[in-house]
Amino acid sequence: MTGVTAQLGFVGGAGAAFILTKFFGEFAEYRFTHFRPDVEFQTGNARGTVDTDVNTNTVLGGVTFRF
């Protein structure tokens, strides 16, 4: 390994929580993540580079307990 580099990315999201009773509620959230890794590798005499875009979409949901 010749060195370590850092790449910038983006994370954005939005969500909402709804209180159903004094102690219980539910929530939902959406997240989008984007980054572009550039990976260089060497195996024996072979060298290569991988350059790709990575996009993820995540939906979360659950219940909340407040006290």
Protein backbone atom coordinates (compact mmCIF):
# COMPACT_ATOMS: atom_id res chain seq x y z
CA MET A 1 0.00 0.00 0.00
CA THR A 2 1.51 3.30 -1.05
CA GLY A 3 -0.80 5.70 0.77
CA VAL A 4 -4.24 6.56 1.97
CA THR A 5 -6.50 9.11 0.30
CA ALA A 6 -9.84 10.56 1.30
CA GLN A 7 -12.82 11.20 -0.96
CA LEU A 8 -15.74 13.54 -0.34
CA GLY A 9 -19.31 12.32 -0.41
CA PHE A 10 -22.84 13.52 0.26
CA VAL A 11 -25.51 12.38 2.72
CA GLY A 12 -28.99 13.93 2.74
CA GLY A 13 -32.15 12.92 4.48
CA ALA A 14 -35.54 13.84 5.82
CA GLY A 15 -37.85 12.33 8.37
CA ALA A 16 -40.89 12.76 10.55
CA ALA A 17 -42.06 11.57 13.96
CA PHE A 18 -45.68 11.30 15.03
CA ILE A 19 -46.65 11.14 18.69
CA LEU A 20 -49.65 8.81 19.03
CA THR A 21 -50.05 8.91 22.82
CA LYS A 22 -48.22 10.63 25.68
CA PHE A 23 -45.51 7.92 25.65
CA PHE A 24 -45.57 6.25 22.23
CA GLY A 25 -45.08 7.39 18.68
CA GLU A 26 -43.77 6.29 15.30
CA PHE A 27 -41.17 7.67 12.95
CA ALA A 28 -40.05 7.36 9.33
CA GLU A 29 -36.88 8.60 7.68
CA TYR A 30 -35.31 8.61 4.20
CA ARG A 31 -31.56 8.90 3.54
CA PHE A 32 -29.60 9.28 0.30
CA THR A 33 -25.83 8.71 0.23
CA HIS A 34 -23.44 9.33 -2.68
CA PHE A 35 -19.70 8.84 -2.92
CA ARG A 36 -17.15 8.09 -5.64
CA PRO A 37 -14.32 5.82 -4.49
CA ASP A 38 -11.13 5.56 -6.56
CA VAL A 39 -9.28 2.39 -5.61
CA GLU A 40 -5.86 1.43 -6.93
CA PHE A 41 -4.58 -2.10 -6.43
CA GLN A 42 -1.58 -4.24 -7.34
CA THR A 43 -1.37 -8.04 -7.40
CA GLY A 44 1.98 -9.38 -8.52
CA ASN A 45 2.77 -7.61 -11.79
CA ALA A 46 -0.85 -6.64 -12.43
CA ARG A 47 -2.00 -3.15 -11.52
CA GLY A 48 -5.46 -1.71 -11.80
CA THR A 49 -7.82 1.06 -10.83
CA VAL A 50 -11.50 0.91 -9.94
CA ASP A 51 -13.48 4.14 -10.37
CA THR A 52 -17.22 3.98 -9.72
CA ASP A 53 -20.17 5.93 -8.30
CA VAL A 54 -21.96 4.55 -5.26
CA ASN A 55 -25.53 5.70 -4.49
CA THR A 56 -27.62 4.26 -1.67
CA ASN A 57 -31.25 4.88 -0.73
CA THR A 58 -32.35 3.93 2.78
CA VAL A 59 -35.81 4.02 4.33
CA LEU A 60 -36.08 3.64 8.11
CA GLY A 61 -39.11 3.33 10.30
CA GLY A 62 -39.95 2.39 13.84
CA VAL A 63 -41.64 3.18 17.08
CA THR A 64 -40.52 5.56 19.78
CA PHE A 65 -41.01 5.41 23.54
CA ARG A 66 -40.79 8.67 25.47
CA PHE A 67 -40.60 9.05 29.23
